[in-house]
Amino acid sequence: MTEVERNILQALQDLEGAVASMATANPKPDLLPLFARLEDLTRQLPRTTDPSLLHYLHKKSYEKARLFLQGRDAENATGQCRHD
């Protein structure tokens, strides 16, 4: 895993934690900086990045991207776009 991919995985985990805390957090976490960070990191990925990861990130399928980066891509269900 590259450094950028590690940073993306960390950002995805941060986002997941922030979303999980929404029900009880006061004040609610601001998710916009997390989304901006993910978009910035996605732009830093080289062209040789696995096409599945790029697809997940460009389509904002962040849970699928996280599973992919954790080596758990087999757990990803086929989406409506029919991309594996």
Protein backbone atom coordinates (compact mmCIF):
# COMPACT_ATOMS: atom_id res chain seq x y z
CA MET A 1 0.00 0.00 0.00
CA THR A 2 1.35 3.42 -0.93
CA GLU A 3 1.53 6.37 1.43
CA VAL A 4 -1.35 8.09 -0.36
CA GLU A 5 -3.44 4.93 -0.05
CA ARG A 6 -2.63 4.73 3.68
CA ASN A 7 -3.70 8.36 4.03
CA ILE A 8 -6.93 7.64 2.15
CA LEU A 9 -7.64 4.66 4.40
CA GLN A 10 -7.09 6.82 7.48
CA ALA A 11 -9.37 9.54 6.09
CA LEU A 12 -12.03 6.93 5.31
CA GLN A 13 -11.81 5.59 8.85
CA ASP A 14 -12.02 9.14 10.22
CA LEU A 15 -15.13 9.74 8.11
CA GLU A 16 -16.70 6.50 9.25
CA GLY A 17 -16.07 7.44 12.89
CA ALA A 18 -17.51 10.91 12.41
CA VAL A 19 -20.63 9.53 10.74
CA ALA A 20 -21.06 6.97 13.52
CA SER A 21 -20.95 9.73 16.13
CA MET A 22 -23.61 11.87 14.43
CA ALA A 23 -26.49 10.45 16.46
CA THR A 24 -25.04 11.48 19.81
CA ALA A 25 -22.51 14.23 19.03
CA ASN A 26 -23.23 17.78 20.11
CA PRO A 27 -22.18 19.73 18.17
CA LYS A 28 -22.41 17.55 15.09
CA PRO A 29 -19.07 16.91 13.35
CA ASP A 30 -18.37 18.91 10.19
CA LEU A 31 -17.95 16.32 7.46
CA LEU A 32 -17.02 18.76 4.68
CA PRO A 33 -13.30 18.87 5.55
CA LEU A 34 -13.20 15.07 5.51
CA PHE A 35 -14.80 14.95 2.07
CA ALA A 36 -12.40 17.64 0.81
CA ARG A 37 -9.43 15.67 2.17
CA LEU A 38 -10.60 12.52 0.40
CA GLU A 39 -11.01 14.38 -2.88
CA ASP A 40 -7.53 15.90 -2.53
CA LEU A 41 -5.95 12.54 -1.76
CA THR A 42 -7.81 10.90 -4.66
CA ARG A 43 -6.28 13.46 -7.03
CA GLN A 44 -2.83 12.47 -5.74
CA LEU A 45 -3.19 8.83 -6.76
CA PRO A 46 -1.01 7.81 -9.71
CA ARG A 47 -2.51 6.60 -12.98
CA THR A 48 -1.29 3.10 -12.15
CA THR A 49 -3.70 2.87 -9.20
CA ASP A 50 -6.00 -0.14 -9.27
CA PRO A 51 -9.05 0.78 -11.39
CA SER A 52 -11.46 -0.60 -8.78
CA LEU A 53 -10.13 1.74 -6.12
CA LEU A 54 -10.32 4.70 -8.48
CA HIS A 55 -13.88 3.75 -9.40
CA TYR A 56 -14.96 3.54 -5.76
CA LEU A 57 -13.38 6.88 -4.89
CA HIS A 58 -14.69 8.72 -7.96
CA LYS A 59 -18.20 7.38 -7.34
CA LYS A 60 -17.93 8.32 -3.63
CA SER A 61 -18.40 4.66 -2.65
CA TYR A 62 -16.31 5.24 0.43
CA GLU A 63 -17.24 2.07 2.28
CA LYS A 64 -16.25 0.03 -0.77
CA ALA A 65 -12.97 1.95 -1.03
CA ARG A 66 -12.25 1.27 2.65
CA LEU A 67 -12.94 -2.44 2.27
CA PHE A 68 -10.75 -2.54 -0.83
CA LEU A 69 -7.85 -0.88 0.98
CA GLN A 70 -8.28 -3.24 3.93
CA GLY A 71 -7.92 -6.23 1.58
CA ARG A 72 -11.61 -7.05 1.95
CA ASP A 73 -12.80 -6.27 -1.58
CA ALA A 74 -14.54 -9.66 -1.78
CA GLU A 75 -17.07 -8.26 0.73
CA ASN A 76 -18.11 -5.54 -1.69
CA ALA A 77 -21.48 -6.14 -3.28
CA THR A 78 -21.90 -5.36 -6.95
CA GLY A 79 -23.45 -1.91 -7.26
CA GLN A 80 -26.09 -0.64 -9.61
CA CYS A 81 -23.43 0.45 -12.08
CA ARG A 82 -22.54 -3.25 -12.45
CA HIS A 83 -18.88 -2.55 -11.69
CA ASP A 84 -17.30 -5.28 -9.54
